[in-house]
């Protein structure tokens, strides 16, 4: 009797890329991303940079958006919002610390994907959820703790106030060409955030 034809469902599971090899591919992805930006990044270019086949990449990632998001997350330090007992100190610690807005590498990576957020819906959804979302939640928690301490008004509009500091800094970076510094971030906190949060 002739052998039964193997169906796709019964086909042997293809090995997934993991461990050190996965990190090499993610590192190569960040290199290509920094060089050409998200729009011009291709799976072929990453495969060449990582000295891997394109089939190897597709065994682990469905497409470019998945690959780039995983690469961005692999390069991102775990972030926990500071809890110093002071809104000002918490904000400076969050935005000037490791992985904050004074980190040129983090800002360069953000600049390489910013156009994709407007053009690629799949990428934008994952970027907002997985890359921006966790840090935005931690930033909101800084203000919530300040409310709980009675340091700022309970009726402050967090939807507006929480993104105000990064919004101002990103405007200065991408539209004015001014890299965020600790001094600039402190000025925004002192002249915009704190007065808005504590006004009568």
N, C-alpha and C. Protein backbone atom coordinates (compact mmCIF):
# COMPACT_ATOMS: atom_id res chain seq x y z
N UNK A 1 0.86 -1.18 0.00
CA UNK A 1 0.00 0.00 0.00
C UNK A 1 0.89 1.23 0.00
N UNK A 2 0.54 2.17 -0.84
CA UNK A 2 1.36 3.37 -0.94
C UNK A 2 1.22 4.19 0.32
N UNK A 3 2.29 4.91 0.72
CA UNK A 3 2.24 5.70 1.94
C UNK A 3 1.24 6.83 1.82
N UNK A 4 0.59 7.12 2.92
CA UNK A 4 -0.37 8.22 2.93
C UNK A 4 0.37 9.54 2.81
N UNK A 5 -0.17 10.41 1.99
CA UNK A 5 0.46 11.71 1.79
C UNK A 5 0.37 12.52 3.09
N UNK A 6 1.48 13.10 3.47
CA UNK A 6 1.53 13.88 4.71
C UNK A 6 0.87 15.23 4.49
N UNK A 7 -0.04 15.59 5.35
CA UNK A 7 -0.71 16.88 5.23
C UNK A 7 0.14 17.96 5.88
N UNK A 8 -0.23 19.23 5.57
CA UNK A 8 0.51 20.33 6.16
C UNK A 8 0.38 20.30 7.68
N UNK A 9 -0.81 19.87 8.14
CA UNK A 9 -1.03 19.85 9.58
C UNK A 9 -0.13 18.82 10.27
N UNK A 10 0.16 17.72 9.53
CA UNK A 10 0.96 16.65 10.10
C UNK A 10 2.46 16.84 9.88
N UNK A 11 2.81 17.85 9.08
CA UNK A 11 4.22 18.06 8.74
C UNK A 11 5.02 18.33 10.01
N UNK A 12 6.29 17.87 10.03
CA UNK A 12 7.12 18.10 11.21
C UNK A 12 7.21 19.59 11.54
N UNK A 13 7.18 19.90 12.81
CA UNK A 13 7.27 21.29 13.24
C UNK A 13 8.66 21.84 12.91
N UNK A 14 8.69 22.98 12.24
CA UNK A 14 9.97 23.58 11.90
C UNK A 14 10.57 24.23 13.15
N UNK A 15 11.85 24.04 13.38
CA UNK A 15 12.47 24.60 14.59
C UNK A 15 12.40 26.12 14.59
N UNK A 16 12.10 26.68 15.76
CA UNK A 16 12.02 28.13 15.89
C UNK A 16 13.40 28.70 16.17
N UNK A 17 13.59 29.93 15.73
CA UNK A 17 14.82 30.63 16.02
C UNK A 17 14.74 31.11 17.46
N UNK A 18 15.75 30.85 18.26
CA UNK A 18 15.71 31.27 19.64
C UNK A 18 17.12 31.42 20.19
N UNK A 19 17.19 31.87 21.43
CA UNK A 19 18.48 31.97 22.10
C UNK A 19 19.42 32.98 21.48
N UNK A 20 20.69 32.61 21.43
CA UNK A 20 21.72 33.52 20.94
C UNK A 20 21.49 33.91 19.48
N UNK A 21 21.02 32.95 18.68
CA UNK A 21 20.80 33.25 17.26
C UNK A 21 19.69 34.28 17.09
N UNK A 22 18.66 34.16 17.92
CA UNK A 22 17.58 35.13 17.86
C UNK A 22 18.10 36.53 18.19
N UNK A 23 18.93 36.63 19.21
CA UNK A 23 19.48 37.93 19.60
C UNK A 23 20.37 38.51 18.50
N UNK A 24 21.10 37.65 17.79
CA UNK A 24 21.92 38.13 16.68
C UNK A 24 21.05 38.74 15.59
N UNK A 25 19.93 38.09 15.30
CA UNK A 25 19.03 38.59 14.27
C UNK A 25 18.38 39.90 14.72
N UNK A 26 17.98 39.96 15.98
CA UNK A 26 17.38 41.20 16.49
C UNK A 26 18.39 42.34 16.47
N UNK A 27 19.64 42.04 16.81
CA UNK A 27 20.68 43.05 16.76
C UNK A 27 20.91 43.54 15.34
N UNK A 28 20.91 42.62 14.38
CA UNK A 28 21.06 43.00 12.97
C UNK A 28 19.88 43.85 12.51
N UNK A 29 18.69 43.54 13.01
CA UNK A 29 17.51 44.33 12.67
C UNK A 29 17.66 45.77 13.12
N UNK A 30 18.15 45.97 14.34
CA UNK A 30 18.36 47.33 14.84
C UNK A 30 19.41 48.07 14.03
N UNK A 31 20.44 47.36 13.59
CA UNK A 31 21.47 48.00 12.77
C UNK A 31 20.90 48.47 11.44
N UNK A 32 20.12 47.60 10.79
CA UNK A 32 19.50 47.98 9.51
C UNK A 32 18.50 49.11 9.74
N UNK A 33 17.74 49.02 10.83
CA UNK A 33 16.75 50.05 11.14
C UNK A 33 17.41 51.41 11.31
N UNK A 34 18.53 51.44 12.04
CA UNK A 34 19.24 52.70 12.26
C UNK A 34 19.82 53.24 10.96
N UNK A 35 20.19 52.35 10.06
CA UNK A 35 20.83 52.76 8.81
C UNK A 35 19.84 53.28 7.78
N UNK A 36 18.69 52.59 7.64
CA UNK A 36 17.78 52.94 6.53
C UNK A 36 16.40 53.36 6.99
N UNK A 37 16.05 53.16 8.27
CA UNK A 37 14.72 53.49 8.74
C UNK A 37 13.74 52.35 8.48
N UNK A 38 12.58 52.44 9.11
CA UNK A 38 11.60 51.37 9.00
C UNK A 38 11.06 51.22 7.58
N UNK A 39 10.78 52.33 6.92
CA UNK A 39 10.15 52.26 5.60
C UNK A 39 10.99 51.48 4.60
N UNK A 40 12.31 51.61 4.67
CA UNK A 40 13.19 50.97 3.70
C UNK A 40 13.76 49.65 4.20
N UNK A 41 13.47 49.30 5.43
CA UNK A 41 13.94 48.02 5.96
C UNK A 41 13.18 46.88 5.30
N UNK A 42 13.90 45.84 4.90
CA UNK A 42 13.28 44.65 4.31
C UNK A 42 13.78 43.41 5.03
N UNK A 43 13.00 42.35 4.92
CA UNK A 43 13.44 41.08 5.51
C UNK A 43 14.71 40.59 4.82
N UNK A 44 14.84 40.84 3.53
CA UNK A 44 16.06 40.45 2.80
C UNK A 44 17.28 41.16 3.38
N UNK A 45 17.13 42.47 3.66
CA UNK A 45 18.26 43.24 4.19
C UNK A 45 18.67 42.74 5.57
N UNK A 46 17.69 42.43 6.39
CA UNK A 46 18.00 41.90 7.73
C UNK A 46 18.66 40.54 7.62
N UNK A 47 18.13 39.69 6.74
CA UNK A 47 18.71 38.36 6.56
C UNK A 47 20.17 38.46 6.14
N UNK A 48 20.46 39.38 5.24
CA UNK A 48 21.84 39.56 4.79
C UNK A 48 22.72 40.05 5.93
N UNK A 49 22.22 41.02 6.70
CA UNK A 49 23.01 41.57 7.80
C UNK A 49 23.25 40.52 8.88
N UNK A 50 22.28 39.64 9.07
CA UNK A 50 22.40 38.62 10.11
C UNK A 50 23.04 37.34 9.60
N UNK A 51 23.37 37.32 8.29
CA UNK A 51 23.92 36.11 7.65
C UNK A 51 22.98 34.91 7.89
N UNK A 52 21.70 35.16 7.60
CA UNK A 52 20.67 34.13 7.75
C UNK A 52 19.83 34.11 6.48
N UNK A 53 19.07 33.05 6.30
CA UNK A 53 18.15 33.00 5.17
C UNK A 53 16.86 33.72 5.54
N UNK A 54 16.16 34.20 4.53
CA UNK A 54 14.87 34.84 4.80
C UNK A 54 13.89 33.83 5.39
N UNK A 55 14.01 32.57 4.97
CA UNK A 55 13.13 31.52 5.52
C UNK A 55 13.34 31.38 7.03
N UNK A 56 14.58 31.55 7.48
CA UNK A 56 14.86 31.48 8.91
C UNK A 56 14.09 32.57 9.66
N UNK A 57 14.08 33.76 9.09
CA UNK A 57 13.35 34.87 9.73
C UNK A 57 11.86 34.57 9.79
N UNK A 58 11.32 34.05 8.70
CA UNK A 58 9.87 33.81 8.67
C UNK A 58 9.46 32.62 9.54
N UNK A 59 10.40 31.78 9.93
CA UNK A 59 10.07 30.73 10.89
C UNK A 59 9.77 31.30 12.27
N UNK A 60 10.30 32.49 12.53
CA UNK A 60 10.14 33.09 13.85
C UNK A 60 9.20 34.30 13.83
N UNK A 61 9.21 35.08 12.74
CA UNK A 61 8.41 36.30 12.69
C UNK A 61 7.50 36.28 11.47
N UNK A 62 6.27 36.77 11.64
CA UNK A 62 5.31 36.77 10.54
C UNK A 62 5.68 37.80 9.46
N UNK A 63 6.33 38.86 9.86
CA UNK A 63 6.68 39.89 8.89
C UNK A 63 7.50 40.99 9.54
N UNK A 64 7.68 42.07 8.81
CA UNK A 64 8.56 43.15 9.24
C UNK A 64 8.11 43.79 10.55
N UNK A 65 6.83 44.03 10.70
CA UNK A 65 6.34 44.69 11.91
C UNK A 65 6.67 43.88 13.15
N UNK A 66 6.41 42.56 13.10
CA UNK A 66 6.71 41.70 14.24
C UNK A 66 8.21 41.70 14.56
N UNK A 67 9.02 41.61 13.52
CA UNK A 67 10.46 41.56 13.71
C UNK A 67 10.98 42.84 14.33
N UNK A 68 10.55 43.98 13.81
CA UNK A 68 11.06 45.25 14.31
C UNK A 68 10.60 45.51 15.74
N UNK A 69 9.35 45.20 16.04
CA UNK A 69 8.87 45.40 17.41
C UNK A 69 9.67 44.55 18.39
N UNK A 70 9.90 43.28 18.04
CA UNK A 70 10.70 42.42 18.92
C UNK A 70 12.12 42.95 19.08
N UNK A 71 12.68 43.49 18.00
CA UNK A 71 14.03 44.06 18.08
C UNK A 71 14.03 45.28 19.00
N UNK A 72 13.03 46.13 18.87
CA UNK A 72 12.94 47.31 19.72
C UNK A 72 12.81 46.92 21.19
N UNK A 73 11.98 45.93 21.46
CA UNK A 73 11.77 45.50 22.84
C UNK A 73 13.03 44.83 23.41
N UNK A 74 13.78 44.14 22.54
CA UNK A 74 15.00 43.47 23.02
C UNK A 74 16.05 44.48 23.44
N UNK A 75 15.97 45.69 22.90
CA UNK A 75 16.96 46.73 23.18
C UNK A 75 16.50 47.68 24.28
N UNK A 76 15.32 47.42 24.82
CA UNK A 76 14.71 48.33 25.78
C UNK A 76 14.91 47.82 27.19
N UNK A 77 15.47 48.65 28.05
CA UNK A 77 15.65 48.27 29.44
C UNK A 77 14.30 48.20 30.15
N UNK A 78 14.10 47.20 31.02
CA UNK A 78 12.86 47.17 31.80
C UNK A 78 12.70 48.48 32.57
N UNK A 79 11.49 49.03 32.54
CA UNK A 79 11.29 50.35 33.14
C UNK A 79 10.29 50.27 34.27
N UNK A 80 10.68 50.77 35.44
CA UNK A 80 9.78 50.93 36.56
C UNK A 80 9.84 52.38 36.99
N UNK A 81 8.69 53.01 37.09
CA UNK A 81 8.66 54.43 37.42
C UNK A 81 9.28 54.67 38.79
N UNK A 82 10.13 55.69 38.91
CA UNK A 82 10.71 56.01 40.21
C UNK A 82 9.62 56.37 41.22
N UNK A 83 9.88 56.16 42.48
CA UNK A 83 8.94 56.51 43.54
C UNK A 83 9.73 57.16 44.67
N UNK A 84 10.05 58.45 44.47
CA UNK A 84 10.90 59.17 45.41
C UNK A 84 10.10 59.94 46.45
N UNK A 85 8.79 60.04 46.25
CA UNK A 85 7.97 60.86 47.14
C UNK A 85 7.79 62.27 46.64
N UNK A 86 8.35 62.58 45.47
CA UNK A 86 8.25 63.91 44.88
C UNK A 86 7.94 63.77 43.40
N UNK A 87 6.91 64.47 42.93
CA UNK A 87 6.56 64.41 41.51
C UNK A 87 7.72 64.89 40.64
N UNK A 88 8.35 65.98 41.04
CA UNK A 88 9.46 66.52 40.25
C UNK A 88 10.59 65.50 40.13
N UNK A 89 11.00 64.93 41.25
CA UNK A 89 12.10 63.96 41.22
C UNK A 89 11.73 62.71 40.44
N UNK A 90 10.48 62.27 40.57
CA UNK A 90 10.03 61.09 39.82
C UNK A 90 10.10 61.34 38.32
N UNK A 91 9.65 62.52 37.88
CA UNK A 91 9.65 62.83 36.45
C UNK A 91 11.07 62.93 35.92
N UNK A 92 11.95 63.58 36.67
CA UNK A 92 13.33 63.70 36.21
C UNK A 92 14.00 62.33 36.16
N UNK A 93 13.72 61.49 37.14
CA UNK A 93 14.30 60.15 37.14
C UNK A 93 13.79 59.30 35.99
N UNK A 94 12.50 59.45 35.66
CA UNK A 94 11.91 58.65 34.59
C UNK A 94 12.39 59.07 33.22
N UNK A 95 12.49 60.38 33.00
CA UNK A 95 12.79 60.86 31.65
C UNK A 95 14.26 61.17 31.41
N UNK A 96 15.05 61.23 32.46
CA UNK A 96 16.50 61.48 32.29
C UNK A 96 17.33 60.24 32.57
N UNK A 97 16.71 59.18 33.07
CA UNK A 97 17.45 57.99 33.44
C UNK A 97 17.78 57.11 32.26
N UNK A 98 18.28 55.91 32.55
CA UNK A 98 18.64 54.94 31.52
C UNK A 98 17.43 54.62 30.65
N UNK A 99 17.61 54.76 29.34
CA UNK A 99 16.50 54.50 28.43
C UNK A 99 15.53 55.66 28.31
N UNK A 100 15.83 56.78 28.97
CA UNK A 100 14.95 57.94 28.92
C UNK A 100 15.20 58.80 27.68
N UNK A 101 14.66 60.00 27.71
CA UNK A 101 14.71 60.86 26.53
C UNK A 101 16.06 61.53 26.33
N UNK A 102 16.93 61.43 27.32
CA UNK A 102 18.28 61.98 27.14
C UNK A 102 19.23 60.94 26.54
N UNK A 103 18.72 59.75 26.26
CA UNK A 103 19.53 58.69 25.66
C UNK A 103 19.50 58.83 24.15
N UNK A 104 20.60 59.25 23.51
CA UNK A 104 20.60 59.47 22.06
C UNK A 104 20.22 58.23 21.26
N UNK A 105 20.64 57.05 21.73
CA UNK A 105 20.31 55.83 20.99
C UNK A 105 18.81 55.59 20.98
N UNK A 106 18.16 55.78 22.12
CA UNK A 106 16.72 55.59 22.18
C UNK A 106 16.00 56.57 21.27
N UNK A 107 16.47 57.81 21.25
CA UNK A 107 15.83 58.81 20.40
C UNK A 107 16.08 58.54 18.92
N UNK A 108 17.27 58.01 18.59
CA UNK A 108 17.56 57.67 17.20
C UNK A 108 16.66 56.53 16.73
N UNK A 109 16.46 55.54 17.59
CA UNK A 109 15.57 54.43 17.25
C UNK A 109 14.15 54.94 17.05
N UNK A 110 13.70 55.81 17.94
CA UNK A 110 12.36 56.37 17.81
C UNK A 110 12.23 57.14 16.50
N UNK A 111 13.25 57.91 16.14
CA UNK A 111 13.22 58.66 14.90
C UNK A 111 13.16 57.76 13.68
N UNK A 112 13.74 56.57 13.76
CA UNK A 112 13.77 55.66 12.61
C UNK A 112 12.42 55.00 12.34
N UNK A 113 11.53 55.04 13.33
CA UNK A 113 10.23 54.37 13.13
C UNK A 113 9.06 55.35 13.14
N UNK A 114 9.31 56.62 13.38
CA UNK A 114 8.22 57.55 13.61
C UNK A 114 7.30 57.68 12.39
N UNK A 115 7.86 57.63 11.19
CA UNK A 115 7.00 57.74 10.00
C UNK A 115 6.13 56.51 9.83
N UNK A 116 6.63 55.36 10.27
CA UNK A 116 5.85 54.12 10.13
C UNK A 116 4.61 54.15 11.00
N UNK A 117 4.65 54.87 12.11
CA UNK A 117 3.49 54.95 12.99
C UNK A 117 2.31 55.59 12.25
N UNK A 118 2.62 56.51 11.34
CA UNK A 118 1.56 57.18 10.59
C UNK A 118 1.14 56.39 9.34
N UNK A 119 2.01 55.54 8.84
CA UNK A 119 1.75 54.89 7.54
C UNK A 119 1.37 53.42 7.62
N UNK A 120 1.83 52.73 8.64
CA UNK A 120 1.67 51.28 8.71
C UNK A 120 0.79 50.95 9.92
N UNK A 121 -0.47 50.64 9.68
CA UNK A 121 -1.42 50.43 10.77
C UNK A 121 -1.02 49.25 11.66
N UNK A 122 -0.57 48.17 11.04
CA UNK A 122 -0.18 47.00 11.82
C UNK A 122 0.97 47.33 12.75
N UNK A 123 1.98 48.00 12.20
CA UNK A 123 3.12 48.38 13.03
C UNK A 123 2.69 49.36 14.11
N UNK A 124 1.89 50.35 13.76
CA UNK A 124 1.48 51.38 14.71
C UNK A 124 0.74 50.78 15.90
N UNK A 125 -0.14 49.82 15.65
CA UNK A 125 -0.89 49.20 16.74
C UNK A 125 0.03 48.47 17.70
N UNK A 126 0.97 47.70 17.15
CA UNK A 126 1.89 46.96 18.02
C UNK A 126 2.87 47.90 18.72
N UNK A 127 3.32 48.94 18.02
CA UNK A 127 4.26 49.89 18.60
C UNK A 127 3.62 50.60 19.79
N UNK A 128 2.38 51.06 19.60
CA UNK A 128 1.70 51.77 20.70
C UNK A 128 1.42 50.84 21.86
N UNK A 129 1.02 49.61 21.57
CA UNK A 129 0.65 48.67 22.63
C UNK A 129 1.87 48.13 23.38
N UNK A 130 2.89 47.68 22.64
CA UNK A 130 3.99 46.94 23.25
C UNK A 130 5.20 47.80 23.61
N UNK A 131 5.45 48.86 22.86
CA UNK A 131 6.64 49.67 23.10
C UNK A 131 6.30 50.92 23.91
N UNK A 132 5.29 51.67 23.46
CA UNK A 132 4.93 52.91 24.14
C UNK A 132 4.03 52.64 25.35
N UNK A 133 3.09 51.69 25.20
CA UNK A 133 2.09 51.45 26.22
C UNK A 133 2.61 51.24 27.63
N UNK A 134 3.55 50.31 27.84
CA UNK A 134 4.03 50.07 29.21
C UNK A 134 4.67 51.30 29.86
N UNK A 135 5.44 52.06 29.08
CA UNK A 135 6.08 53.24 29.68
C UNK A 135 5.04 54.33 29.94
N UNK A 136 4.03 54.46 29.07
CA UNK A 136 2.97 55.44 29.30
C UNK A 136 2.20 55.11 30.58
N UNK A 137 1.98 53.82 30.82
CA UNK A 137 1.30 53.41 32.04
C UNK A 137 2.12 53.77 33.28
N UNK A 138 3.43 53.56 33.19
CA UNK A 138 4.30 53.90 34.31
C UNK A 138 4.34 55.41 34.54
N UNK A 139 4.35 56.19 33.46
CA UNK A 139 4.34 57.65 33.58
C UNK A 139 3.04 58.11 34.24
N UNK A 140 1.92 57.50 33.85
CA UNK A 140 0.64 57.86 34.47
C UNK A 140 0.67 57.54 35.96
N UNK A 141 1.33 56.44 36.31
CA UNK A 141 1.39 56.05 37.72
C UNK A 141 2.14 57.08 38.56
N UNK A 142 3.13 57.74 37.97
CA UNK A 142 3.85 58.80 38.68
C UNK A 142 2.88 59.90 39.12
N UNK A 143 2.01 60.30 38.20
CA UNK A 143 1.04 61.36 38.53
C UNK A 143 -0.03 60.85 39.49
N UNK A 144 -0.45 59.61 39.33
CA UNK A 144 -1.46 59.05 40.24
C UNK A 144 -0.96 59.02 41.67
N UNK A 145 0.31 58.66 41.84
CA UNK A 145 0.88 58.65 43.19
C UNK A 145 0.95 60.06 43.76
N UNK A 146 1.25 61.03 42.90
CA UNK A 146 1.29 62.42 43.36
C UNK A 146 -0.09 62.88 43.82
N UNK A 147 -1.13 62.43 43.13
CA UNK A 147 -2.50 62.74 43.56
C UNK A 147 -2.79 62.08 44.90
N UNK A 148 -2.39 60.81 45.04
CA UNK A 148 -2.63 60.08 46.29
C UNK A 148 -1.92 60.75 47.47
N UNK A 149 -0.77 61.34 47.23
CA UNK A 149 -0.03 62.03 48.30
C UNK A 149 -0.61 63.40 48.61
N UNK A 150 -1.51 63.88 47.75
CA UNK A 150 -2.04 65.23 47.92
C UNK A 150 -1.11 66.29 47.38
N UNK A 151 -0.11 65.86 46.58
CA UNK A 151 0.88 66.81 46.07
C UNK A 151 0.31 67.64 44.92
N UNK A 152 -0.59 67.07 44.14
CA UNK A 152 -1.22 67.79 43.05
C UNK A 152 -2.73 67.61 43.14
N UNK A 153 -3.46 68.43 42.40
CA UNK A 153 -4.92 68.42 42.45
C UNK A 153 -5.48 67.08 41.98
N UNK A 154 -6.55 66.65 42.61
CA UNK A 154 -7.17 65.38 42.25
C UNK A 154 -7.88 65.45 40.92
N UNK A 155 -8.27 66.67 40.49
CA UNK A 155 -9.03 66.79 39.24
C UNK A 155 -8.14 67.13 38.04
N UNK A 156 -6.82 66.99 38.19
CA UNK A 156 -5.93 67.30 37.07
C UNK A 156 -6.22 66.37 35.90
N UNK A 157 -6.16 66.90 34.69
CA UNK A 157 -6.49 66.12 33.48
C UNK A 157 -5.26 65.30 33.07
N UNK A 158 -5.21 64.05 33.53
CA UNK A 158 -4.04 63.21 33.25
C UNK A 158 -3.92 62.87 31.77
N UNK A 159 -5.03 62.80 31.04
CA UNK A 159 -4.96 62.50 29.61
C UNK A 159 -4.14 63.55 28.87
N UNK A 160 -4.19 64.78 29.35
CA UNK A 160 -3.42 65.87 28.74
C UNK A 160 -2.05 66.01 29.37
N UNK A 161 -2.00 65.91 30.69
CA UNK A 161 -0.75 66.23 31.39
C UNK A 161 0.31 65.14 31.26
N UNK A 162 -0.09 63.87 31.30
CA UNK A 162 0.91 62.79 31.26
C UNK A 162 1.77 62.84 29.99
N UNK A 163 1.17 63.00 28.78
CA UNK A 163 2.02 63.03 27.58
C UNK A 163 2.63 64.40 27.27
N UNK A 164 2.37 65.41 28.12
CA UNK A 164 2.85 66.75 27.81
C UNK A 164 4.37 66.84 27.79
N UNK A 165 5.04 66.25 28.78
CA UNK A 165 6.50 66.33 28.85
C UNK A 165 7.17 65.64 27.66
N UNK A 166 6.86 64.36 27.36
CA UNK A 166 7.49 63.77 26.17
C UNK A 166 7.07 64.47 24.89
N UNK A 167 5.82 64.97 24.85
CA UNK A 167 5.36 65.66 23.64
C UNK A 167 6.19 66.90 23.33
N UNK A 168 6.45 67.69 24.36
CA UNK A 168 7.26 68.90 24.16
C UNK A 168 8.68 68.54 23.74
N UNK A 169 9.26 67.54 24.39
CA UNK A 169 10.64 67.15 24.07
C UNK A 169 10.75 66.58 22.66
N UNK A 170 9.77 65.78 22.25
CA UNK A 170 9.81 65.21 20.90
C UNK A 170 9.58 66.29 19.84
N UNK A 171 8.76 67.28 20.14
CA UNK A 171 8.59 68.41 19.23
C UNK A 171 9.92 69.13 19.03
N UNK A 172 10.62 69.37 20.10
CA UNK A 172 11.91 70.05 20.00
C UNK A 172 12.92 69.20 19.22
N UNK A 173 12.86 67.89 19.42
CA UNK A 173 13.81 67.00 18.74
C UNK A 173 13.52 66.90 17.25
N UNK A 174 12.31 66.52 16.90
CA UNK A 174 12.00 66.19 15.50
C UNK A 174 11.68 67.40 14.63
N UNK A 175 11.18 68.46 15.24
CA UNK A 175 10.85 69.65 14.44
C UNK A 175 11.90 70.75 14.55
N UNK A 176 12.54 70.86 15.70
CA UNK A 176 13.54 71.91 15.90
C UNK A 176 14.97 71.39 15.88
N UNK A 177 15.13 70.08 15.91
CA UNK A 177 16.47 69.50 15.85
C UNK A 177 17.26 69.64 17.13
N UNK A 178 16.57 69.77 18.28
CA UNK A 178 17.25 69.96 19.56
C UNK A 178 17.15 68.69 20.39
N UNK A 179 18.28 68.04 20.63
CA UNK A 179 18.31 66.81 21.42
C UNK A 179 17.90 67.10 22.85
N UNK A 180 17.00 66.30 23.43
CA UNK A 180 16.62 66.52 24.82
C UNK A 180 17.81 66.39 25.77
N UNK A 181 17.87 67.28 26.72
CA UNK A 181 18.91 67.25 27.75
C UNK A 181 18.24 67.29 29.12
N UNK A 182 19.00 66.96 30.15
CA UNK A 182 18.44 67.02 31.50
C UNK A 182 17.98 68.43 31.84
N UNK A 183 18.73 69.42 31.37
CA UNK A 183 18.38 70.81 31.66
C UNK A 183 17.06 71.19 31.01
N UNK A 184 16.85 70.79 29.77
CA UNK A 184 15.61 71.10 29.07
C UNK A 184 14.43 70.39 29.74
N UNK A 185 14.62 69.12 30.07
CA UNK A 185 13.54 68.37 30.72
C UNK A 185 13.17 69.01 32.06
N UNK A 186 14.17 69.44 32.81
CA UNK A 186 13.89 70.10 34.09
C UNK A 186 13.12 71.40 33.88
N UNK A 187 13.47 72.15 32.83
CA UNK A 187 12.74 73.40 32.54
C UNK A 187 11.28 73.11 32.19
N UNK A 188 11.03 72.07 31.41
CA UNK A 188 9.65 71.73 31.07
C UNK A 188 8.88 71.33 32.32
N UNK A 189 9.51 70.53 33.17
CA UNK A 189 8.86 70.12 34.42
C UNK A 189 8.53 71.33 35.28
N UNK A 190 9.50 72.24 35.44
CA UNK A 190 9.34 73.37 36.35
C UNK A 190 8.41 74.46 35.81
N UNK A 191 8.42 74.66 34.49
CA UNK A 191 7.66 75.78 33.93
C UNK A 191 6.33 75.37 33.30
N UNK A 192 6.15 74.08 33.06
CA UNK A 192 4.90 73.64 32.43
C UNK A 192 4.16 72.60 33.28
N UNK A 193 4.81 71.51 33.59
CA UNK A 193 4.12 70.39 34.24
C UNK A 193 3.69 70.73 35.66
N UNK A 194 4.62 71.15 36.49
CA UNK A 194 4.27 71.44 37.89
C UNK A 194 3.28 72.59 38.02
N UNK A 195 3.45 73.72 37.30
CA UNK A 195 2.44 74.75 37.41
C UNK A 195 1.05 74.30 36.96
N UNK A 196 0.99 73.49 35.91
CA UNK A 196 -0.31 73.02 35.44
C UNK A 196 -0.94 72.06 36.44
N UNK A 197 -0.12 71.26 37.10
CA UNK A 197 -0.65 70.25 38.02
C UNK A 197 -1.03 70.83 39.38
N UNK A 198 -0.47 71.98 39.72
CA UNK A 198 -0.68 72.52 41.07
C UNK A 198 -1.44 73.83 41.08
N UNK A 199 -1.82 74.34 39.92
CA UNK A 199 -2.52 75.64 39.92
C UNK A 199 -3.82 75.54 40.70
N UNK A 200 -4.23 76.63 41.34
CA UNK A 200 -5.48 76.61 42.13
C UNK A 200 -6.69 76.30 41.25
